[in-house]
Protein backbone atom coordinates (compact mmCIF):
# COMPACT_ATOMS: atom_id res chain seq x y z
CA UNK A 1 37.91 167.57 167.26
CA UNK A 2 41.44 166.66 166.25
CA UNK A 3 42.13 165.43 169.78
CA UNK A 4 39.12 163.14 169.52
CA UNK A 5 40.40 161.71 166.22
CA UNK A 6 43.75 160.98 167.86
CA UNK A 7 41.97 158.56 170.17
CA UNK A 8 41.21 156.19 167.29
CA UNK A 9 42.86 152.82 167.74
CA UNK A 10 43.69 151.32 164.34
CA UNK A 11 43.01 147.74 165.48
CA UNK A 12 39.58 148.62 166.82
CA UNK A 13 38.78 150.66 163.73
CA UNK A 14 39.73 147.79 161.41
CA UNK A 15 37.64 145.31 163.37
CA UNK A 16 34.65 147.68 163.27
CA UNK A 17 35.13 148.18 159.51
CA UNK A 18 35.29 144.44 158.82
CA UNK A 19 32.28 143.61 160.95
CA UNK A 20 30.05 146.45 159.75
CA UNK A 21 30.88 146.12 156.04
CA UNK A 22 30.56 142.33 155.92
CA UNK A 23 26.77 142.37 155.38
CA UNK A 24 26.63 145.06 152.68
CA UNK A 25 29.48 143.42 150.76
CA UNK A 26 27.82 140.01 151.02
CA UNK A 27 24.49 141.42 149.84
CA UNK A 28 26.16 143.28 146.98
CA UNK A 29 28.04 140.19 145.79
CA UNK A 30 25.06 137.81 146.02
CA UNK A 31 22.62 140.19 144.32
CA UNK A 32 21.46 138.93 140.94
CA UNK A 33 20.87 142.42 139.48
CA UNK A 34 22.14 145.88 140.41
CA UNK A 35 24.78 144.72 142.92
CA UNK A 36 26.08 148.21 143.57
CA UNK A 37 22.61 149.54 144.28
CA UNK A 38 21.95 146.66 146.72
CA UNK A 39 25.33 147.34 148.34
CA UNK A 40 24.44 151.05 148.72
CA UNK A 41 21.05 150.26 150.20
CA UNK A 42 22.52 147.74 152.71
CA UNK A 43 25.23 150.21 153.65
CA UNK A 44 22.63 152.94 154.26
CA UNK A 45 20.67 150.64 156.56
CA UNK A 46 23.83 149.68 158.52
CA UNK A 47 24.83 153.36 158.67
CA UNK A 48 21.47 154.37 160.13
CA UNK A 49 21.69 151.62 162.74
CA UNK A 50 25.22 152.73 163.62
CA UNK A 51 24.12 156.38 163.96
CA UNK A 52 21.30 155.41 166.33
CA UNK A 53 23.69 153.24 168.34
CA UNK A 54 26.30 156.00 168.30
CA UNK A 55 23.81 158.53 169.70
CA UNK A 56 22.97 156.17 172.53
CA UNK A 57 26.66 155.49 173.11
CA UNK A 58 27.25 159.25 173.18
CA UNK A 59 24.82 159.50 176.08
CA UNK A 60 26.83 156.80 177.86
CA UNK A 61 30.14 158.55 177.17
CA UNK A 62 28.85 161.81 178.60
CA UNK A 63 27.69 160.06 181.76
CA UNK A 64 23.95 160.61 181.30
CA UNK A 65 23.14 157.02 182.23
CA UNK A 66 25.56 156.67 185.15
CA UNK A 67 22.93 156.87 187.88
CA UNK A 68 20.80 154.21 186.15
CA UNK A 69 23.81 151.91 185.75
CA UNK A 70 24.81 152.49 189.35
CA UNK A 71 21.32 151.71 190.62
CA UNK A 72 21.15 148.55 188.54
CA UNK A 73 24.58 147.35 189.68
CA UNK A 74 23.80 148.15 193.29
CA UNK A 75 20.63 146.10 193.01
CA UNK A 76 22.61 143.15 191.70
CA UNK A 77 25.37 143.35 194.30
CA UNK A 78 23.57 144.59 197.38
CA UNK A 79 24.40 141.47 199.38
CA UNK A 80 28.10 142.30 199.96
CA UNK A 81 28.21 144.27 203.26
CA UNK A 82 32.03 144.45 203.33
CA UNK A 83 32.23 146.40 200.06
CA UNK A 84 29.41 148.93 199.88
CA UNK A 85 28.90 150.61 196.56
CA UNK A 86 29.41 154.37 196.73
CA UNK A 87 28.17 156.55 193.87
CA UNK A 88 31.06 159.00 194.08
CA UNK A 89 33.65 156.25 193.70
CA UNK A 90 31.59 154.63 190.94
CA UNK A 91 31.33 157.95 189.06
CA UNK A 92 35.03 158.61 189.39
CA UNK A 93 35.88 155.14 188.08
CA UNK A 94 33.50 155.54 185.14
CA UNK A 95 34.95 158.98 184.31
CA UNK A 96 38.44 157.44 184.24
CA UNK A 97 37.22 154.63 181.98
CA UNK A 98 35.53 157.08 179.57
CA UNK A 99 38.55 159.35 179.26
CA UNK A 100 40.11 157.52 176.31
CA UNK A 101 36.90 156.27 174.69
CA UNK A 102 35.99 157.04 171.07
CA UNK A 103 32.51 156.81 169.55
CA UNK A 104 33.21 154.39 166.70
CA UNK A 105 29.55 153.68 165.85
CA UNK A 106 28.65 157.33 165.33
CA UNK A 107 31.84 158.08 163.36
CA UNK A 108 31.47 155.06 161.09
CA UNK A 109 27.73 155.66 160.65
CA UNK A 110 28.34 159.18 159.39
CA UNK A 111 31.18 158.04 157.13
CA UNK A 112 28.99 155.24 155.71
CA UNK A 113 26.10 157.63 155.10
CA UNK A 114 28.34 159.99 153.18
CA UNK A 115 29.87 157.13 151.21
CA UNK A 116 26.41 155.68 150.43
CA UNK A 117 25.19 159.09 149.23
CA UNK A 118 28.18 159.52 146.97
CA UNK A 119 27.79 155.98 145.60
CA UNK A 120 24.06 156.48 145.06
CA UNK A 121 24.74 159.71 143.19
CA UNK A 122 27.27 157.97 140.96
CA UNK A 123 25.07 154.90 140.36
CA UNK A 124 21.88 156.74 139.45
């Protein structure tokens, strides 16, 4: 687990934080009443969306959808006879690309859910 956390790129993490927290912060600021409760609700919704996206991205990182992606790409590029698409080469290239990947959506979704639960406990 520690080796996975070492793969976190600070720039990418900051961009994900800014993008995913923009909506809850905006909703919390523009709320007429109970701004913190509105912020917590919006953050919970964003967290659940991130967890669902992170689960799907986890399937991609493990290679469960490689054959579907290969079939789709082969269907799009089947007209090039000089460069045939081979699944073994495609799988090797995808494995190399996934080696340093980190599942930011799942990580941030879990962190946001925990933060929203703590905030909800403190607000109520």
